Amino acid sequence: MSAGSFYITTPIFYVNDVPHIGHAYTEVAADVLARWHRQSGDDAWLLTGTDEHGQKILRTAIANGVTPKEWADRLVETAWKPLLETVNIANDDFIRTTDERHEVNAQKFLQHLHDEGHIYTGEYEGYYCVGCEEYKQTSDLVDGTGDYAGQLVCAIHSKPVELLHEKNYFFKMSAFADRLLALYEENPNFVQPEAARNEVMSFVKRGLSDLSISRSSFDWGIKVPWDESHVVYVWFDALLNYITAAGYGQNDEEFASRWPATHIVGKDILRFHAVIWPAMLMAAGIEVPKQVFGHGWLLVGGEKMSKSKLTGIAPSQITDTFGSDAFRYYFMRAISFGQDGSFSWEDLSARYQSELANGFGNLASRVIAMVVRYCDGVVPALSAGTAGAFTAEDLAIAATERRVTDAAAAAIDKLAIHDALATVWELVDELNGYITLQEPWALAKNPESRERLGTVLHTAVRGLGTLAVLLSPVIPIATGKLWTALGGDGALVDQRVDRAWEWTGGAQVSALEPLFPRIESIVEPTDG
């Protein structure tokens, strides 16, 4: 990885169904981090995509009367790529595991491991969850209820597992247990948050089994290069997207400049990314990822967001009413990134009204409107002599601009997006309090207070511009409108978020439409 490079990935998502807000949550988090790093001067690169192989996709396609590729093409174009537009994701690449660039170079990786003696032939019998595309230990299963009474079901999907017996190829994963434990000990940040790291370490300490990496009972997948009667196990295939998209096997220079990556994943797929994936890379002689961060689940009614349990909510059900900015802000602010979080329409509506419409949006409208009304739209300029008239309250705003900028950057370095937003909101609240205390509407009535009015409005405009820069990675549409109204110099996406207070703009402001219009009534969707 070159200096100043920041490569971040989302998981690649199964195309067996349409996306829900849990998928969008992951996408937005990775996008916010990528945008923040781009605006901090880093060469940021955001990868997302779709996982299109495996038994689950095959069965879904057959059930819908089409081939697996036809099903994948349909879902990618009608659901998964539109998701990125719905929540305003600025991804740099979109990889599909059916892409030739992935399939060819995944085979190169597998052949290399085989040639190095890390793969052998064996037989395996065990319980397989098609929903997880994973062999399950009995400790991962629970007794079924209702229609599945008397059967063992997956604890995640609540559906029966299948007892399979196959002759497969195996990856000698058990040989890497000590190296993995050393990695976790020597680099505590490799797996985060701390609870995720502890879980992974405990899992590895219990002992690792070798991993079955091929299937021979169906043919929808990448062919094993030395034995085309087998296809590559879907997870072994999928994990490789992170390097095949970055140039592995075809562009060594590009790969060296991108890798290693920061992986943002849901905690339910943490072991794949924090155990299997680094072991695969160790075997291939490739550097392990920079970090694996396992975020929590979105909960609806106390349960994990799930289409199969009819708790899935389409992102458009939120964005059609509140807009993509509000979607992005709500999920990044209301949930501590790394922990489970409960979604409710009531909380979303309340935060939209109090924090976005009344807090930030009203602040922006008031400041712009007062500059237009009291100064004919001309931003009061401060001469060297006038600058000496700054009061403690004025100076406090300037100090807060710098403080929250530095604190937000430090939070982002820890992937604590919620903390970064909470910190930036201190400036929103302080500016609102400043306006209330200084009463520029009263100052405007007294000709002798004209100079003081100019100082107050100048201070408010400066703070507002700093907010536009700081919040642009999270709410890019609203801040873009504000940036235009402020007459900001250059494109907002090119402003250094790590030096937000240094922004520059023209001498004139222009009219600003409400950034977050009031929503009079919210009708909660009743369909899953």
Protein backbone atom coordinates (compact mmCIF):
# COMPACT_ATOMS: atom_id res chain seq x y z
CA MET A 1 0.00 0.00 0.00
CA SER A 2 1.36 3.40 -0.97
CA ALA A 3 1.61 6.24 1.53
CA GLY A 4 -1.72 7.99 1.88
CA SER A 5 -3.66 5.07 0.41
CA PHE A 6 -6.94 4.03 2.01
CA TYR A 7 -8.60 0.97 0.52
CA ILE A 8 -11.94 0.14 2.11
CA THR A 9 -14.40 -2.62 1.27
CA THR A 10 -17.93 -3.70 2.05
CA PRO A 11 -18.80 -7.38 1.94
CA ILE A 12 -20.04 -8.52 -1.44
CA PHE A 13 -23.70 -9.32 -1.02
CA TYR A 14 -25.64 -12.41 -2.10
CA VAL A 15 -27.97 -11.81 -5.03
CA ASN A 16 -30.54 -14.34 -3.87
CA ASP A 17 -32.83 -11.48 -2.82
CA VAL A 18 -33.18 -7.70 -2.85
CA PRO A 19 -31.30 -5.46 -0.40
CA HIS A 20 -32.71 -4.17 2.89
CA ILE A 21 -31.55 -1.35 5.15
CA GLY A 22 -29.03 -3.63 6.86
CA HIS A 23 -27.12 -3.84 3.58
CA ALA A 24 -27.45 -0.10 3.03
CA TYR A 25 -26.14 0.55 6.56
CA THR A 26 -22.87 -1.21 5.72
CA GLU A 27 -22.60 0.58 2.38
CA VAL A 28 -23.13 4.00 3.95
CA ALA A 29 -20.58 3.42 6.71
CA ALA A 30 -17.89 2.42 4.22
CA ASP A 31 -18.82 5.33 1.96
CA VAL A 32 -18.60 7.89 4.77
CA LEU A 33 -15.16 6.60 5.72
CA ALA A 34 -13.99 6.65 2.10
CA ARG A 35 -15.31 10.18 1.51
CA TRP A 36 -13.68 11.40 4.73
CA HIS A 37 -10.31 9.98 3.73
CA ARG A 38 -10.57 11.40 0.21
CA GLN A 39 -11.20 14.83 1.68
CA SER A 40 -8.24 14.32 4.02
CA GLY A 41 -5.90 14.00 1.04
CA ASP A 42 -5.69 10.19 0.94
CA ASP A 43 -5.95 8.09 -2.19
CA ALA A 44 -9.18 6.47 -1.03
CA TRP A 45 -10.73 3.58 -2.94
CA LEU A 46 -14.11 2.07 -2.07
CA LEU A 47 -15.02 -1.41 -3.32
CA THR A 48 -18.41 -3.05 -3.17
CA GLY A 49 -20.11 -5.73 -5.23
CA THR A 50 -22.10 -8.94 -5.38
CA ASP A 51 -21.51 -12.60 -4.55
CA GLU A 52 -23.17 -14.65 -7.29
CA HIS A 53 -22.02 -18.25 -6.95
CA GLY A 54 -23.07 -21.08 -4.63
CA GLN A 55 -25.94 -23.41 -3.94
CA LYS A 56 -28.23 -20.71 -2.54
CA ILE A 57 -28.10 -18.70 -5.77
CA LEU A 58 -28.56 -21.83 -7.87
CA ARG A 59 -31.67 -22.86 -5.97
CA THR A 60 -33.15 -19.37 -6.04
CA ALA A 61 -32.61 -19.12 -9.81
CA ILE A 62 -34.18 -22.53 -10.44
CA ALA A 63 -37.16 -21.60 -8.29
CA ASN A 64 -37.64 -18.52 -10.48
CA GLY A 65 -37.29 -20.42 -13.75
CA VAL A 66 -34.04 -18.82 -14.95
CA THR A 67 -30.34 -19.67 -15.08
CA PRO A 68 -28.14 -18.53 -12.16
CA LYS A 69 -26.39 -15.98 -14.39
CA GLU A 70 -29.69 -14.59 -15.65
CA TRP A 71 -30.90 -14.29 -12.06
CA ALA A 72 -27.70 -12.56 -10.97
CA ASP A 73 -27.76 -10.14 -13.91
CA ARG A 74 -31.38 -9.24 -13.15
CA LEU A 75 -30.82 -8.64 -9.44
CA VAL A 76 -27.60 -6.66 -9.94
CA GLU A 77 -29.18 -4.28 -12.44
CA THR A 78 -32.60 -3.89 -10.81
CA ALA A 79 -31.74 -4.03 -7.10
CA TRP A 80 -28.10 -3.96 -6.05
CA LYS A 81 -26.68 -1.22 -8.25
CA PRO A 82 -29.79 0.94 -7.72
CA LEU A 83 -29.20 0.57 -3.96
CA LEU A 84 -25.98 2.56 -4.37
CA GLU A 85 -27.90 5.41 -5.99
CA THR A 86 -30.67 5.25 -3.39
CA VAL A 87 -28.28 5.97 -0.51
CA ASN A 88 -25.79 8.01 -2.56
CA ILE A 89 -22.71 5.76 -2.50
CA ALA A 90 -19.60 7.07 -4.29
CA ASN A 91 -17.92 3.70 -4.85
CA ASP A 92 -14.82 3.43 -7.04
CA ASP A 93 -15.44 -0.12 -8.19
CA PHE A 94 -18.18 -2.74 -8.26
CA ILE A 95 -17.07 -6.34 -8.54
CA ARG A 96 -19.15 -9.37 -9.37
CA THR A 97 -17.82 -12.86 -8.71
CA THR A 98 -19.02 -13.78 -12.20
CA ASP A 99 -16.64 -11.17 -13.68
CA GLU A 100 -13.89 -12.74 -15.76
CA ARG A 101 -11.27 -10.67 -13.91
CA HIS A 102 -12.39 -12.33 -10.69
CA GLU A 103 -12.84 -15.89 -11.90
CA VAL A 104 -9.51 -16.10 -13.74
CA ASN A 105 -7.46 -14.62 -10.91
CA ALA A 106 -9.28 -16.55 -8.19
CA GLN A 107 -8.19 -19.69 -10.05
CA LYS A 108 -4.60 -18.38 -10.10
CA PHE A 109 -4.72 -17.95 -6.34
CA LEU A 110 -6.13 -21.43 -5.78
CA GLN A 111 -3.59 -23.03 -8.11
CA HIS A 112 -0.79 -21.28 -6.24
CA LEU A 113 -1.99 -22.68 -2.90
CA HIS A 114 -2.27 -26.14 -4.46
CA ASP A 115 1.24 -25.93 -5.91
CA GLU A 116 2.61 -24.85 -2.51
CA GLY A 117 1.11 -27.91 -0.81
CA HIS A 118 -1.63 -26.13 1.17
CA ILE A 119 -4.49 -28.15 -0.38
CA TYR A 120 -5.27 -31.87 -0.16
CA THR A 121 -8.10 -34.29 -0.98
CA GLY A 122 -10.38 -35.61 1.74
CA GLU A 123 -13.90 -36.56 2.67
CA TYR A 124 -16.23 -34.56 4.82
CA GLU A 125 -19.57 -35.15 6.45
CA GLY A 126 -21.37 -32.43 8.32
CA TYR A 127 -24.37 -30.18 8.71
CA TYR A 128 -24.56 -27.55 5.97
CA CYS A 129 -26.63 -24.35 6.05
CA VAL A 130 -27.38 -23.23 2.52
CA GLY A 131 -28.43 -19.80 3.82
CA CYS A 132 -24.99 -19.24 5.36
CA GLU A 133 -23.23 -21.35 2.70
CA GLU A 134 -21.30 -22.85 5.60
CA TYR A 135 -20.76 -26.18 7.36
CA LYS A 136 -22.04 -25.79 10.91
CA GLN A 137 -20.84 -27.17 14.22
CA THR A 138 -23.58 -28.64 16.43
CA SER A 139 -23.02 -25.69 18.78
CA ASP A 140 -24.20 -23.42 15.95
CA LEU A 141 -27.54 -25.24 15.68
CA VAL A 142 -30.75 -25.09 17.69
CA ASP A 143 -33.88 -27.22 17.87
CA GLY A 144 -36.50 -26.23 15.35
CA THR A 145 -40.01 -25.13 16.27
CA GLY A 146 -43.32 -25.06 14.43
CA ASP A 147 -42.98 -26.59 10.96
CA TYR A 148 -39.36 -27.49 11.78
CA ALA A 149 -40.03 -29.19 15.12
CA GLY A 150 -37.79 -32.20 15.59
CA GLN A 151 -35.16 -30.86 13.19
CA LEU A 152 -31.87 -29.03 13.75
CA VAL A 153 -31.97 -25.51 12.37
CA CYS A 154 -29.38 -22.79 11.81
CA ALA A 155 -29.33 -20.35 14.72
CA ILE A 156 -29.08 -17.44 12.25
CA HIS A 157 -31.59 -18.43 9.56
CA SER A 158 -33.95 -20.62 11.67
CA LYS A 159 -34.15 -23.09 8.78
CA PRO A 160 -33.15 -26.79 8.74
CA VAL A 161 -29.56 -27.69 7.89
CA GLU A 162 -28.64 -30.52 5.52
CA LEU A 163 -26.41 -33.46 6.36
CA LEU A 164 -23.87 -33.69 3.54
CA HIS A 165 -21.15 -36.21 2.75
CA GLU A 166 -18.76 -35.22 -0.01
CA LYS A 167 -15.28 -35.86 -1.31
CA ASN A 168 -13.76 -32.42 -1.37
CA TYR A 169 -10.51 -30.50 -1.54
CA PHE A 170 -9.34 -29.08 1.78
CA PHE A 171 -7.25 -26.07 2.74
CA LYS A 172 -4.81 -26.74 5.59
CA MET A 173 -6.17 -23.95 7.72
CA SER A 174 -5.29 -25.65 10.98
CA ALA A 175 -1.62 -25.07 10.22
CA PHE A 176 -2.10 -21.32 10.62
CA ALA A 177 -3.67 -21.21 14.10
CA ASP A 178 -0.49 -20.10 15.88
CA ARG A 179 0.28 -17.45 13.27
CA LEU A 180 -3.26 -16.10 13.53
CA LEU A 181 -3.10 -15.88 17.31
CA ALA A 182 0.24 -14.09 17.05
CA LEU A 183 -1.34 -11.65 14.59
CA TYR A 184 -4.19 -10.87 16.99
CA GLU A 185 -1.78 -10.41 19.91
CA GLU A 186 0.77 -8.29 18.07
CA ASN A 187 -1.79 -6.12 16.28
CA PRO A 188 -4.79 -5.58 18.57
CA ASN A 189 -6.40 -3.32 15.97
CA PHE A 190 -6.46 -6.05 13.33
CA VAL A 191 -9.91 -7.16 14.53
CA GLN A 192 -12.17 -4.53 16.03
CA PRO A 193 -14.18 -3.64 18.02
CA GLU A 194 -12.71 -5.26 21.12
CA ALA A 195 -15.64 -7.65 21.62
CA ALA A 196 -15.16 -8.93 18.07
CA ARG A 197 -11.45 -9.42 18.65
CA ASN A 198 -12.11 -11.41 21.83
CA GLU A 199 -14.63 -13.61 20.05
CA VAL A 200 -12.23 -14.37 17.21
CA MET A 201 -9.32 -15.13 19.52
CA SER A 202 -11.48 -17.45 21.61
CA PHE A 203 -12.63 -19.27 18.47
CA VAL A 204 -9.10 -19.86 17.21
CA LYS A 205 -7.82 -20.89 20.64
CA ARG A 206 -10.38 -23.71 20.66
CA GLY A 207 -8.57 -25.17 17.67
CA LEU A 208 -9.00 -24.85 13.92
CA SER A 209 -10.12 -27.56 11.52
CA ASP A 210 -9.05 -27.70 7.91
CA LEU A 211 -11.49 -26.06 5.54
CA SER A 212 -13.42 -27.80 2.78
CA ILE A 213 -12.93 -25.51 -0.22
CA SER A 214 -14.76 -27.31 -3.02
CA ARG A 215 -18.15 -28.78 -3.83
CA SER A 216 -18.93 -31.52 -6.35
CA SER A 217 -22.69 -31.91 -5.94
CA PHE A 218 -23.53 -28.90 -8.15
CA ASP A 219 -21.69 -26.88 -10.79
CA TRP A 220 -22.60 -23.21 -10.25
CA GLY A 221 -19.26 -21.72 -9.29
CA ILE A 222 -15.64 -21.24 -10.33
CA LYS A 223 -14.09 -24.47 -11.55
CA VAL A 224 -11.21 -25.88 -9.52
CA PRO A 225 -8.38 -25.40 -12.03
CA TRP A 226 -6.86 -28.89 -11.67
CA ASP A 227 -10.20 -30.72 -11.34
CA GLU A 228 -13.20 -29.28 -13.18
CA SER A 229 -15.56 -31.77 -11.58
CA HIS A 230 -15.38 -29.52 -8.50
CA VAL A 231 -16.35 -25.87 -8.04
CA VAL A 232 -14.69 -23.58 -5.49
CA TYR A 233 -16.50 -23.23 -2.15
CA VAL A 234 -18.47 -20.01 -2.37
CA TRP A 235 -16.81 -18.32 0.62
CA PHE A 236 -13.29 -19.17 -0.57
CA ASP A 237 -14.32 -17.71 -3.93
CA ALA A 238 -16.01 -14.61 -2.46
CA LEU A 239 -13.23 -13.56 -0.10
CA LEU A 240 -10.83 -13.35 -3.02
CA ASN A 241 -12.80 -10.44 -4.52
CA TYR A 242 -10.91 -8.05 -2.28
CA ILE A 243 -7.66 -8.77 -4.07
CA THR A 244 -8.89 -9.63 -7.58
CA ALA A 245 -10.62 -6.23 -7.77
CA ALA A 246 -7.42 -4.53 -6.63
CA GLY A 247 -5.31 -6.05 -9.40
CA TYR A 248 -4.10 -9.38 -8.01
CA GLY A 249 -2.93 -11.66 -10.79
CA GLN A 250 -3.14 -9.05 -13.53
CA ASN A 251 -1.69 -5.73 -12.40
CA ASP A 252 1.03 -6.04 -9.78
CA GLU A 253 1.67 -2.29 -9.61
CA GLU A 254 -1.97 -1.46 -8.96
CA PHE A 255 -2.27 -4.23 -6.40
CA ALA A 256 0.81 -3.00 -4.53
CA SER A 257 -0.60 0.53 -4.42
CA ARG A 258 -4.01 -0.57 -3.07
CA TRP A 259 -3.49 -3.51 -0.75
CA PRO A 260 -3.97 -4.05 2.22
CA ALA A 261 -7.59 -3.10 2.79
CA THR A 262 -9.85 -2.18 5.67
CA HIS A 263 -12.82 -4.56 5.64
CA ILE A 264 -16.20 -3.45 7.01
CA VAL A 265 -18.36 -6.52 7.65
CA GLY A 266 -21.38 -7.59 9.65
CA LYS A 267 -20.50 -9.47 12.82
CA ASP A 268 -22.22 -12.62 11.51
CA ILE A 269 -19.50 -13.02 8.86
CA LEU A 270 -16.63 -11.94 11.08
CA ARG A 271 -14.96 -15.38 11.31
CA PHE A 272 -14.72 -15.70 7.55
CA HIS A 273 -12.88 -12.39 7.34
CA ALA A 274 -10.81 -12.53 10.53
CA VAL A 275 -9.84 -16.22 10.49
CA ILE A 276 -10.23 -17.89 7.09
CA TRP A 277 -9.25 -14.89 4.99
CA PRO A 278 -5.93 -14.00 6.73
CA ALA A 279 -5.02 -17.70 6.80
CA MET A 280 -5.57 -17.88 3.03
CA LEU A 281 -3.38 -14.82 2.51
CA MET A 282 -0.65 -16.15 4.81
CA ALA A 283 -0.56 -19.37 2.78
CA ALA A 284 -0.22 -17.37 -0.43
CA GLY A 285 2.51 -15.13 0.97
CA ILE A 286 0.33 -12.01 0.72
CA GLU A 287 0.05 -9.35 3.40
CA VAL A 288 -3.01 -9.71 5.62
CA PRO A 289 -5.69 -6.97 5.61
CA LYS A 290 -5.05 -3.75 7.48
CA GLN A 291 -8.14 -4.25 9.61
CA VAL A 292 -11.36 -6.22 9.89
CA PHE A 293 -14.14 -4.29 11.59
CA GLY A 294 -17.29 -6.21 12.54
CA HIS A 295 -20.24 -3.89 12.98
CA GLY A 296 -23.40 -4.85 14.83
CA TRP A 297 -26.80 -5.81 13.52
CA LEU A 298 -29.75 -3.59 12.80
CA LEU A 299 -32.59 -4.84 14.95
CA VAL A 300 -36.29 -4.50 14.20
CA GLY A 301 -38.57 -5.52 17.02
CA GLY A 302 -35.56 -7.01 18.80
CA GLU A 303 -34.61 -9.26 15.87
CA LYS A 304 -31.86 -9.02 13.27
CA MET A 305 -32.96 -7.41 10.02
CA SER A 306 -33.92 -10.27 7.72
CA LYS A 307 -35.93 -10.78 4.56
CA SER A 308 -36.59 -14.42 5.46
CA LYS A 309 -38.17 -13.34 8.76
CA LEU A 310 -40.12 -10.53 7.08
CA THR A 311 -38.30 -7.84 9.06
CA GLY A 312 -36.50 -6.48 6.02
CA ILE A 313 -37.15 -2.82 5.18
CA ALA A 314 -36.23 -1.54 1.72
CA PRO A 315 -33.98 1.56 1.86
CA SER A 316 -36.33 3.36 -0.54
CA GLN A 317 -39.12 3.10 2.05
CA ILE A 318 -37.05 5.57 4.08
CA THR A 319 -35.43 7.66 1.36
CA ASP A 320 -38.69 8.27 -0.53
CA THR A 321 -39.91 10.22 2.50
CA PHE A 322 -36.81 11.51 4.25
CA GLY A 323 -34.18 11.57 1.47
CA SER A 324 -30.79 9.89 1.25
CA ASP A 325 -29.02 12.45 3.46
CA ALA A 326 -31.36 11.76 6.35
CA PHE A 327 -30.94 8.01 5.86
CA ARG A 328 -27.16 8.38 5.97
CA TYR A 329 -27.17 10.72 8.95
CA TYR A 330 -29.63 8.70 11.01
CA PHE A 331 -27.85 5.35 10.78
CA MET A 332 -24.42 6.87 11.32
CA ARG A 333 -25.52 8.99 14.30
CA ALA A 334 -28.13 6.89 16.08
CA ILE A 335 -26.14 3.65 16.25
CA SER A 336 -22.72 3.22 17.85
CA PHE A 337 -20.73 1.75 14.99
CA GLY A 338 -19.64 -1.70 16.08
CA GLN A 339 -22.67 -2.40 18.28
CA ASP A 340 -26.19 -3.62 17.59
CA GLY A 341 -28.73 -0.89 17.09
CA SER A 342 -32.52 -0.82 17.03
CA PHE A 343 -34.32 0.91 14.20
CA SER A 344 -37.68 2.57 14.70
CA TRP A 345 -39.67 4.93 12.54
CA GLU A 346 -40.40 7.06 15.61
CA ASP A 347 -36.70 7.61 16.37
CA LEU A 348 -35.92 8.33 12.73
CA SER A 349 -38.71 10.91 12.53
CA ALA A 350 -37.73 12.52 15.83
CA ARG A 351 -34.06 12.86 14.89
CA TYR A 352 -34.93 14.18 11.45
CA GLN A 353 -37.06 16.90 13.01
CA SER A 354 -34.91 17.88 15.98
CA GLU A 355 -31.37 17.38 14.67
CA LEU A 356 -31.55 17.87 10.92
CA ALA A 357 -34.53 20.17 10.30
CA ASN A 358 -34.46 22.24 13.50
CA GLY A 359 -30.81 21.89 14.45
CA PHE A 360 -28.66 22.09 11.32
CA GLY A 361 -31.15 23.03 8.60
CA ASN A 362 -32.73 25.90 10.53
CA LEU A 363 -29.31 27.20 11.53
CA ALA A 364 -28.21 27.35 7.91
CA SER A 365 -31.43 29.03 6.78
CA ARG A 366 -31.34 31.63 9.55
CA VAL A 367 -27.73 32.66 8.99
CA ILE A 368 -28.06 32.95 5.21
CA ALA A 369 -31.38 34.80 5.52
CA MET A 370 -29.92 37.32 8.00
CA VAL A 371 -26.93 38.05 5.77
CA VAL A 372 -29.34 38.62 2.86
CA ARG A 373 -31.74 40.73 4.93
CA TYR A 374 -29.30 42.84 6.95
CA CYS A 375 -26.31 43.02 4.60
CA ASP A 376 -27.88 42.63 1.15
CA GLY A 377 -26.26 39.21 0.86
CA VAL A 378 -22.71 40.54 1.34
CA VAL A 379 -20.71 38.60 3.91
CA PRO A 380 -19.35 41.16 6.39
CA ALA A 381 -15.60 41.46 5.96
CA LEU A 382 -13.44 42.11 8.98
CA SER A 383 -10.59 44.56 8.73
CA ALA A 384 -7.48 44.23 10.86
CA GLY A 385 -8.92 46.80 13.23
CA THR A 386 -12.32 45.15 13.40
CA ALA A 387 -10.82 41.75 14.17
CA GLY A 388 -9.62 43.13 17.48
CA ALA A 389 -13.23 43.58 18.49
CA PHE A 390 -13.85 39.83 18.74
CA THR A 391 -15.50 38.95 22.01
CA ALA A 392 -14.86 35.82 24.00
CA GLU A 393 -18.03 34.33 22.48
CA ASP A 394 -16.76 34.95 18.93
CA LEU A 395 -13.39 33.45 19.69
CA ALA A 396 -15.04 30.46 21.31
CA ILE A 397 -16.80 29.61 18.03
CA ALA A 398 -13.51 29.72 16.14
CA ALA A 399 -11.87 27.54 18.79
CA THR A 400 -14.73 25.03 18.61
CA GLU A 401 -14.37 24.83 14.82
CA ARG A 402 -10.78 23.66 15.23
CA ARG A 403 -11.45 21.44 18.21
CA VAL A 404 -14.31 19.49 16.66
CA THR A 405 -12.41 19.12 13.39
CA ASP A 406 -9.48 17.50 15.16
CA ALA A 407 -11.69 15.39 17.42
CA ALA A 408 -13.83 14.16 14.52
CA ALA A 409 -10.73 13.15 12.57
CA ALA A 410 -9.45 11.22 15.58
CA ALA A 411 -12.80 9.43 15.87
CA ILE A 412 -12.79 8.52 12.17
CA ASP A 413 -9.31 7.02 12.58
CA LYS A 414 -10.95 4.62 15.06
CA LEU A 415 -13.90 4.06 12.69
CA ALA A 416 -16.12 5.64 15.37
CA ILE A 417 -18.39 7.44 12.90
CA HIS A 418 -21.05 8.04 15.55
CA ASP A 419 -18.53 9.80 17.79
CA ALA A 420 -17.31 11.95 14.91
CA LEU A 421 -20.86 13.11 14.21
CA ALA A 422 -21.62 13.74 17.86
CA THR A 423 -18.50 15.90 18.05
CA VAL A 424 -19.38 17.90 14.94
CA TRP A 425 -22.86 18.46 16.33
CA GLU A 426 -21.29 20.31 19.24
CA LEU A 427 -20.52 23.07 16.73
CA VAL A 428 -24.11 22.97 15.43
CA ASP A 429 -25.43 23.41 18.97
CA GLU A 430 -22.90 26.05 19.90
CA LEU A 431 -23.67 28.11 16.79
CA ASN A 432 -27.39 27.94 17.50
CA GLY A 433 -26.73 29.09 21.06
CA TYR A 434 -24.44 31.84 19.78
CA ILE A 435 -27.12 33.22 17.46
CA THR A 436 -29.70 33.15 20.25
CA LEU A 437 -27.35 34.93 22.66
CA GLN A 438 -26.06 37.59 20.23
CA GLU A 439 -29.50 38.45 18.82
CA PRO A 440 -28.41 39.79 15.40
CA TRP A 441 -32.05 40.80 14.70
CA ALA A 442 -31.81 43.18 17.65
CA LEU A 443 -28.37 44.45 16.62
CA ALA A 444 -29.75 45.24 13.15
CA LYS A 445 -32.23 47.71 14.65
CA ASN A 446 -29.52 49.93 16.16
CA PRO A 447 -27.18 51.79 13.76
CA GLU A 448 -24.56 51.96 16.51
CA SER A 449 -24.45 48.15 16.61
CA ARG A 450 -23.72 47.83 12.89
CA GLU A 451 -20.10 46.82 13.39
CA ARG A 452 -21.04 44.27 16.03
CA LEU A 453 -23.72 42.86 13.70
CA GLY A 454 -21.05 42.39 11.03
CA THR A 455 -18.78 40.53 13.43
CA VAL A 456 -21.57 38.22 14.57
CA LEU A 457 -22.73 37.37 11.06
CA HIS A 458 -19.15 36.92 9.87
CA THR A 459 -18.52 34.51 12.75
CA ALA A 460 -21.72 32.60 12.01
CA VAL A 461 -20.94 32.30 8.31
CA ARG A 462 -17.45 31.02 9.09
CA GLY A 463 -18.87 28.38 11.41
CA LEU A 464 -21.50 27.39 8.87
CA GLY A 465 -18.88 26.84 6.16
CA THR A 466 -16.83 24.71 8.51
CA LEU A 467 -19.93 22.58 9.15
CA ALA A 468 -20.53 22.23 5.41
CA VAL A 469 -17.06 20.76 4.97
CA LEU A 470 -17.18 18.54 8.07
CA LEU A 471 -20.60 17.09 7.27
CA SER A 472 -20.10 16.66 3.53
CA PRO A 473 -18.97 13.00 3.82
CA VAL A 474 -22.21 12.17 5.65
CA ILE A 475 -24.88 14.43 4.11
CA PRO A 476 -23.39 15.39 0.74
CA ILE A 477 -26.57 16.71 -0.90
CA ALA A 478 -27.56 19.16 1.84
CA THR A 479 -24.01 20.38 2.39
CA GLY A 480 -23.58 20.81 -1.36
CA LYS A 481 -26.58 23.16 -1.41
CA LEU A 482 -25.21 25.04 1.58
CA TRP A 483 -21.76 25.30 0.00
CA THR A 484 -23.29 26.87 -3.10
CA ALA A 485 -25.31 29.32 -1.01
CA LEU A 486 -22.15 30.30 0.89
CA GLY A 487 -20.27 30.88 -2.36
CA GLY A 488 -17.60 28.38 -1.34
CA ASP A 489 -14.48 28.29 -3.50
CA GLY A 490 -14.05 25.13 -5.57
CA ALA A 491 -15.96 21.89 -5.28
CA LEU A 492 -17.05 20.84 -1.82
CA VAL A 493 -15.68 17.32 -2.31
CA ASP A 494 -12.23 18.87 -2.81
CA GLN A 495 -12.19 20.70 0.53
CA ARG A 496 -9.84 19.35 3.19
CA VAL A 497 -12.06 17.95 5.92
CA ASP A 498 -9.07 17.72 8.27
CA ARG A 499 -8.66 21.50 7.97
CA ALA A 500 -12.32 22.37 7.62
CA TRP A 501 -12.03 25.76 9.31
CA GLU A 502 -9.68 27.00 6.56
CA TRP A 503 -12.44 27.03 3.91
CA THR A 504 -12.71 30.08 1.69
CA GLY A 505 -15.65 31.60 -0.13
CA GLY A 506 -16.81 34.60 -2.06
CA ALA A 507 -18.11 37.89 -0.76
CA GLN A 508 -21.74 37.12 -1.43
CA VAL A 509 -24.25 34.52 -0.22
CA SER A 510 -27.26 33.40 -2.21
CA ALA A 511 -30.73 32.20 -1.25
CA LEU A 512 -30.93 28.78 0.39
CA GLU A 513 -33.93 26.49 0.15
CA PRO A 514 -34.78 24.47 3.28
CA LEU A 515 -32.18 21.71 3.58
CA PHE A 516 -34.52 19.38 5.47
CA PRO A 517 -38.14 20.32 4.76
CA ARG A 518 -40.65 19.59 7.48
CA ILE A 519 -42.49 16.31 7.10
CA GLU A 520 -45.96 16.72 8.51
CA SER A 521 -46.95 13.08 8.92
CA ILE A 522 -45.16 9.77 8.79
CA VAL A 523 -46.98 6.67 7.66
CA GLU A 524 -45.05 3.58 8.70
CA PRO A 525 -44.93 1.03 5.85
CA THR A 526 -46.73 -2.16 6.76
CA ASP A 527 -45.20 -4.50 4.19
CA GLY A 528 -41.91 -6.39 4.78
